[in-house]
Amino acid sequence: MYYDEDAVCRCYPEKLLFDSVVGHFVATYDLDEVADAIILQRLAMTILRTMRNEKWVAQRGEIVERVRTSPDGTTESWFEPNAASAVISKLDGQLLSWLKSLNVNKAARDASKRAAGVGDLARLLSDISVSKEQVVTFSDDEDDA
């Protein structure tokens, strides 16, 4: 651990954010801290890593200049995307997969609502007013005929 120029421990704010993210998702989406613990921790770490890389890009820019000097003294320069931008894209993909795993994203919530609705609809459509005893009695009457 080290302290920055403001004498703030660098990992303490991240620990607070980590705990805050985990607590928010558990409370808001009614997640189980034990059953969903690994995915939830990976989600929080992905958010932290994304924030770190976005800070890096904000400080250094989206495009960086590269310079190469040849042995004969000539220089060559070109511009290329910051490597952290590619990392952010990968982290965003991971974040979406963790959200899907926890059934937290909008599409997953809508799908679970539709699945519950389809089950209710199937139950409603298959609900026959004839009770089970009447069906058994009816099938016994057919055997006698």
Foldseek 3Di string as FASTA:
>chain_A
DDADPVRDDPCVVLVVQLVVQLVCCCVVVVDDCVVLVVLSSLLSVLVVLLVVLVVVCVVQHQKDKDWDADPVGDIDIDIDGDPSVVVNVVSVVSNVVSCVVRLNDPVSVVVVVVVVVVVVVVCVVPDDPDDPVNVVVVVVVVVVD
